[in-house]
C-alpha atoms as a PDB file:
ATOM      1  CA  UNK A   1     -80.558  24.086 -28.230  1.00  0.00           C
ATOM      2  CA  UNK A   2     -80.151  23.935 -24.286  1.00  0.00           C
ATOM      3  CA  UNK A   3     -77.600  21.939 -22.769  1.00  0.00           C
ATOM      4  CA  UNK A   4     -79.476  18.903 -20.330  1.00  0.00           C
ATOM      5  CA  UNK A   5     -77.922  20.299 -16.728  1.00  0.00           C
ATOM      6  CA  UNK A   6     -78.051  16.265 -16.425  1.00  0.00           C
ATOM      7  CA  UNK A   7     -75.417  15.860 -18.911  1.00  0.00           C
ATOM      8  CA  UNK A   8     -71.925  15.376 -18.132  1.00  0.00           C
ATOM      9  CA  UNK A   9     -69.126  17.627 -19.465  1.00  0.00           C
ATOM     10  CA  UNK A  10     -66.320  15.415 -18.055  1.00  0.00           C
ATOM     11  CA  UNK A  11     -65.760  12.793 -19.689  1.00  0.00           C
ATOM     12  CA  UNK A  12     -62.305  10.326 -18.645  1.00  0.00           C
ATOM     13  CA  UNK A  13     -60.837   7.174 -19.370  1.00  0.00           C
ATOM     14  CA  UNK A  14     -57.832   5.810 -17.977  1.00  0.00           C
ATOM     15  CA  UNK A  15     -55.906   2.374 -18.529  1.00  0.00           C
ATOM     16  CA  UNK A  16     -52.334   0.519 -18.205  1.00  0.00           C
ATOM     17  CA  UNK A  17     -49.999   0.652 -20.870  1.00  0.00           C
ATOM     18  CA  UNK A  18     -47.215  -1.706 -21.515  1.00  0.00           C
ATOM     19  CA  UNK A  19     -44.869   1.090 -22.625  1.00  0.00           C
ATOM     20  CA  UNK A  20     -42.200   3.617 -20.889  1.00  0.00           C
ATOM     21  CA  UNK A  21     -43.992   7.028 -20.473  1.00  0.00           C
ATOM     22  CA  UNK A  22     -41.730   9.092 -22.267  1.00  0.00           C
ATOM     23  CA  UNK A  23     -42.230   6.566 -25.747  1.00  0.00           C
ATOM     24  CA  UNK A  24     -46.187   7.196 -24.879  1.00  0.00           C
ATOM     25  CA  UNK A  25     -45.842  11.010 -24.342  1.00  0.00           C
ATOM     26  CA  UNK A  26     -43.906  11.581 -27.446  1.00  0.00           C
ATOM     27  CA  UNK A  27     -47.021   9.972 -29.823  1.00  0.00           C
ATOM     28  CA  UNK A  28     -49.284  12.598 -27.909  1.00  0.00           C
ATOM     29  CA  UNK A  29     -47.043  15.582 -28.074  1.00  0.00           C
ATOM     30  CA  UNK A  30     -46.294  15.263 -31.793  1.00  0.00           C
ATOM     31  CA  UNK A  31     -49.441  16.482 -33.412  1.00  0.00           C
ATOM     32  CA  UNK A  32     -48.803  14.174 -36.679  1.00  0.00           C
ATOM     33  CA  UNK A  33     -48.975  11.304 -35.139  1.00  0.00           C
ATOM     34  CA  UNK A  34     -52.646  12.139 -33.547  1.00  0.00           C
ATOM     35  CA  UNK A  35     -54.890  11.125 -36.397  1.00  0.00           C
ATOM     36  CA  UNK A  36     -53.018   7.274 -36.119  1.00  0.00           C
ATOM     37  CA  UNK A  37     -54.732   6.510 -32.812  1.00  0.00           C
ATOM     38  CA  UNK A  38     -57.527   8.984 -33.035  1.00  0.00           C
ATOM     39  CA  UNK A  39     -60.852   6.758 -31.124  1.00  0.00           C
ATOM     40  CA  UNK A  40     -62.722   9.681 -31.853  1.00  0.00           C
ATOM     41  CA  UNK A  41     -62.666   9.460 -35.879  1.00  0.00           C
ATOM     42  CA  UNK A  42     -61.812  13.253 -36.018  1.00  0.00           C
ATOM     43  CA  UNK A  43     -58.463  14.055 -36.462  1.00  0.00           C
ATOM     44  CA  UNK A  44     -57.215  13.970 -40.299  1.00  0.00           C
ATOM     45  CA  UNK A  45     -53.545  15.467 -40.348  1.00  0.00           C
ATOM     46  CA  UNK A  46     -51.184  17.177 -38.777  1.00  0.00           C
ATOM     47  CA  UNK A  47     -47.713  18.766 -40.561  1.00  0.00           C
ATOM     48  CA  UNK A  48     -44.785  17.065 -39.284  1.00  0.00           C
ATOM     49  CA  UNK A  49     -42.448  19.079 -37.263  1.00  0.00           C
ATOM     50  CA  UNK A  50     -44.615  20.937 -34.686  1.00  0.00           C
ATOM     51  CA  UNK A  51     -43.674  18.532 -31.457  1.00  0.00           C
ATOM     52  CA  UNK A  52     -45.704  20.158 -28.593  1.00  0.00           C
ATOM     53  CA  UNK A  53     -42.921  21.543 -26.054  1.00  0.00           C
ATOM     54  CA  UNK A  54     -44.299  24.216 -23.632  1.00  0.00           C
ATOM     55  CA  UNK A  55     -47.367  25.907 -22.578  1.00  0.00           C
ATOM     56  CA  UNK A  56     -48.705  28.332 -25.152  1.00  0.00           C
ATOM     57  CA  UNK A  57     -47.256  26.159 -27.953  1.00  0.00           C
ATOM     58  CA  UNK A  58     -49.781  26.034 -31.063  1.00  0.00           C
ATOM     59  CA  UNK A  59     -50.477  23.145 -33.416  1.00  0.00           C
ATOM     60  CA  UNK A  60     -53.168  23.184 -36.312  1.00  0.00           C
ATOM     61  CA  UNK A  61     -54.994  19.874 -37.050  1.00  0.00           C
ATOM     62  CA  UNK A  62     -57.188  19.121 -39.670  1.00  0.00           C
ATOM     63  CA  UNK A  63     -60.013  17.459 -38.938  1.00  0.00           C
ATOM     64  CA  UNK A  64     -61.667  14.387 -41.098  1.00  0.00           C
ATOM     65  CA  UNK A  65     -64.304  17.449 -42.625  1.00  0.00           C
ATOM     66  CA  UNK A  66     -61.619  19.420 -43.708  1.00  0.00           C
ATOM     67  CA  UNK A  67     -61.678  21.994 -41.084  1.00  0.00           C
ATOM     68  CA  UNK A  68     -58.810  23.618 -39.501  1.00  0.00           C
ATOM     69  CA  UNK A  69     -58.659  23.757 -35.555  1.00  0.00           C
ATOM     70  CA  UNK A  70     -55.647  25.719 -34.141  1.00  0.00           C
ATOM     71  CA  UNK A  71     -54.760  23.626 -30.633  1.00  0.00           C
ATOM     72  CA  UNK A  72     -53.219  26.098 -27.840  1.00  0.00           C
ATOM     73  CA  UNK A  73     -51.435  24.169 -25.280  1.00  0.00           C
ATOM     74  CA  UNK A  74     -52.690  24.987 -21.819  1.00  0.00           C
ATOM     75  CA  UNK A  75     -50.839  22.300 -19.265  1.00  0.00           C
ATOM     76  CA  UNK A  76     -47.603  21.020 -20.087  1.00  0.00           C
ATOM     77  CA  UNK A  77     -45.140  18.911 -17.841  1.00  0.00           C
ATOM     78  CA  UNK A  78     -42.849  17.118 -20.248  1.00  0.00           C
ATOM     79  CA  UNK A  79     -43.786  13.587 -19.728  1.00  0.00           C
ATOM     80  CA  UNK A  80     -46.494  13.636 -17.661  1.00  0.00           C
ATOM     81  CA  UNK A  81     -49.514  16.089 -18.827  1.00  0.00           C
ATOM     82  CA  UNK A  82     -50.180  17.795 -22.075  1.00  0.00           C
ATOM     83  CA  UNK A  83     -53.486  19.908 -22.449  1.00  0.00           C
ATOM     84  CA  UNK A  84     -54.844  21.972 -25.052  1.00  0.00           C
ATOM     85  CA  UNK A  85     -58.051  23.902 -25.743  1.00  0.00           C
ATOM     86  CA  UNK A  86     -58.941  23.950 -29.561  1.00  0.00           C
ATOM     87  CA  UNK A  87     -60.917  26.955 -31.734  1.00  0.00           C
ATOM     88  CA  UNK A  88     -61.328  28.033 -35.143  1.00  0.00           C
ATOM     89  CA  UNK A  89     -57.790  29.677 -36.458  1.00  0.00           C
ATOM     90  CA  UNK A  90     -57.771  33.091 -35.379  1.00  0.00           C
ATOM     91  CA  UNK A  91     -60.776  33.442 -32.556  1.00  0.00           C
ATOM     92  CA  UNK A  92     -61.024  32.640 -29.444  1.00  0.00           C
ATOM     93  CA  UNK A  93     -61.512  28.665 -28.025  1.00  0.00           C
ATOM     94  CA  UNK A  94     -64.791  27.904 -27.407  1.00  0.00           C
ATOM     95  CA  UNK A  95     -64.697  25.942 -24.101  1.00  0.00           C
ATOM     96  CA  UNK A  96     -63.747  22.689 -24.358  1.00  0.00           C
ATOM     97  CA  UNK A  97     -60.737  21.180 -23.139  1.00  0.00           C
ATOM     98  CA  UNK A  98     -58.454  17.876 -24.059  1.00  0.00           C
ATOM     99  CA  UNK A  99     -56.129  16.380 -21.282  1.00  0.00           C
ATOM    100  CA  UNK A 100     -53.730  13.593 -21.398  1.00  0.00           C
ATOM    101  CA  UNK A 101     -51.944  12.706 -17.946  1.00  0.00           C
ATOM    102  CA  UNK A 102     -49.618   9.543 -17.624  1.00  0.00           C
ATOM    103  CA  UNK A 103     -48.351   8.076 -14.899  1.00  0.00           C
ATOM    104  CA  UNK A 104     -45.373   5.450 -14.860  1.00  0.00           C
ATOM    105  CA  UNK A 105     -45.811   2.601 -12.781  1.00  0.00           C
ATOM    106  CA  UNK A 106     -42.696   1.418 -13.528  1.00  0.00           C
ATOM    107  CA  UNK A 107     -40.082   1.435 -16.308  1.00  0.00           C
ATOM    108  CA  UNK A 108     -42.284  -0.288 -18.982  1.00  0.00           C
ATOM    109  CA  UNK A 109     -45.856   0.436 -17.598  1.00  0.00           C
ATOM    110  CA  UNK A 110     -47.995   3.765 -17.415  1.00  0.00           C
ATOM    111  CA  UNK A 111     -51.213   4.320 -16.732  1.00  0.00           C
ATOM    112  CA  UNK A 112     -52.593   7.128 -18.987  1.00  0.00           C
ATOM    113  CA  UNK A 113     -55.564   9.087 -18.588  1.00  0.00           C
ATOM    114  CA  UNK A 114     -56.994  11.081 -21.044  1.00  0.00           C
ATOM    115  CA  UNK A 115     -60.264  13.633 -20.630  1.00  0.00           C
ATOM    116  CA  UNK A 116     -62.144  15.399 -22.538  1.00  0.00           C
ATOM    117  CA  UNK A 117     -63.764  18.626 -20.048  1.00  0.00           C
ATOM    118  CA  UNK A 118     -66.472  20.699 -21.923  1.00  0.00           C
ATOM    119  CA  UNK A 119     -67.885  22.575 -18.762  1.00  0.00           C
ATOM    120  CA  UNK A 120     -66.848  25.936 -20.488  1.00  0.00           C
ATOM    121  CA  UNK A 121     -68.083  25.194 -23.839  1.00  0.00           C
ATOM    122  CA  UNK A 122     -70.453  27.961 -24.732  1.00  0.00           C
ATOM    123  CA  UNK A 123     -71.155  27.157 -28.464  1.00  0.00           C
ATOM    124  CA  UNK A 124     -74.167  26.002 -29.143  1.00  0.00           C
ATOM    125  CA  UNK A 125     -72.948  24.155 -32.423  1.00  0.00           C
ATOM    126  CA  UNK A 126     -70.812  22.451 -30.523  1.00  0.00           C
ATOM    127  CA  UNK A 127     -72.598  20.710 -28.276  1.00  0.00           C
ATOM    128  CA  UNK A 128     -74.043  18.006 -30.012  1.00  0.00           C
ATOM    129  CA  UNK A 129     -70.477  16.663 -30.992  1.00  0.00           C
ATOM    130  CA  UNK A 130     -69.631  17.352 -27.135  1.00  0.00           C
ATOM    131  CA  UNK A 131     -72.219  15.361 -26.079  1.00  0.00           C
ATOM    132  CA  UNK A 132     -71.151  12.117 -28.008  1.00  0.00           C
ATOM    133  CA  UNK A 133     -67.741  12.397 -26.903  1.00  0.00           C
ATOM    134  CA  UNK A 134     -67.968   9.832 -24.196  1.00  0.00           C
ATOM    135  CA  UNK A 135     -65.717   7.750 -21.914  1.00  0.00           C
ATOM    136  CA  UNK A 136     -65.884   4.899 -24.509  1.00  0.00           C
ATOM    137  CA  UNK A 137     -64.429   7.147 -27.471  1.00  0.00           C
ATOM    138  CA  UNK A 138     -61.964   8.131 -25.390  1.00  0.00           C
ATOM    139  CA  UNK A 139     -60.765   4.682 -24.270  1.00  0.00           C
ATOM    140  CA  UNK A 140     -61.020   3.697 -28.269  1.00  0.00           C
ATOM    141  CA  UNK A 141     -58.176   6.522 -28.275  1.00  0.00           C
ATOM    142  CA  UNK A 142     -56.141   4.919 -25.013  1.00  0.00           C
ATOM    143  CA  UNK A 143     -56.715   1.254 -26.880  1.00  0.00           C
ATOM    144  CA  UNK A 144     -55.111   2.690 -30.451  1.00  0.00           C
ATOM    145  CA  UNK A 145     -52.316   4.566 -28.669  1.00  0.00           C
ATOM    146  CA  UNK A 146     -51.456   1.407 -26.715  1.00  0.00           C
ATOM    147  CA  UNK A 147     -51.470  -0.543 -29.692  1.00  0.00           C
ATOM    148  CA  UNK A 148     -48.989   1.599 -31.007  1.00  0.00           C
ATOM    149  CA  UNK A 149     -46.762   2.632 -27.570  1.00  0.00           C
ATOM    150  CA  UNK A 150     -46.872  -1.369 -26.647  1.00  0.00           C
ATOM    151  CA  UNK A 151     -44.760  -2.524 -30.158  1.00  0.00           C
ATOM    152  CA  UNK A 152     -41.274  -3.515 -30.028  1.00  0.00           C
END
């Protein structure tokens, strides 16, 4: 199936969260916590103890369909930005990227932007899922993340 050139290949959503950036970043940088706020209904589990700390870190995530994904961190700035490229274990990434950017607004408020970029995706079997990953799915993740981060 050939991709429709009209389909946007970058989906993004932002929202303000009433929590400090460091608290929010800890939720994002610890893969074992990610299934608790995944609005895309795609993440099942990740082993605890693999907190991301640098570019080239790799963490394994088990998806809801039972498949494992290796996620290689390609962007990292502690407390501000993290992005990774998923792939099947031992294979090259097929060309999509998940990114989180945090902008502290004050000590207890942070603007969080979540982006899914599939501009370089070439794997035809992933195109349907990529097209379905729209801004509303990213907003759902942001809303779930806010619900956890804003708790006292």
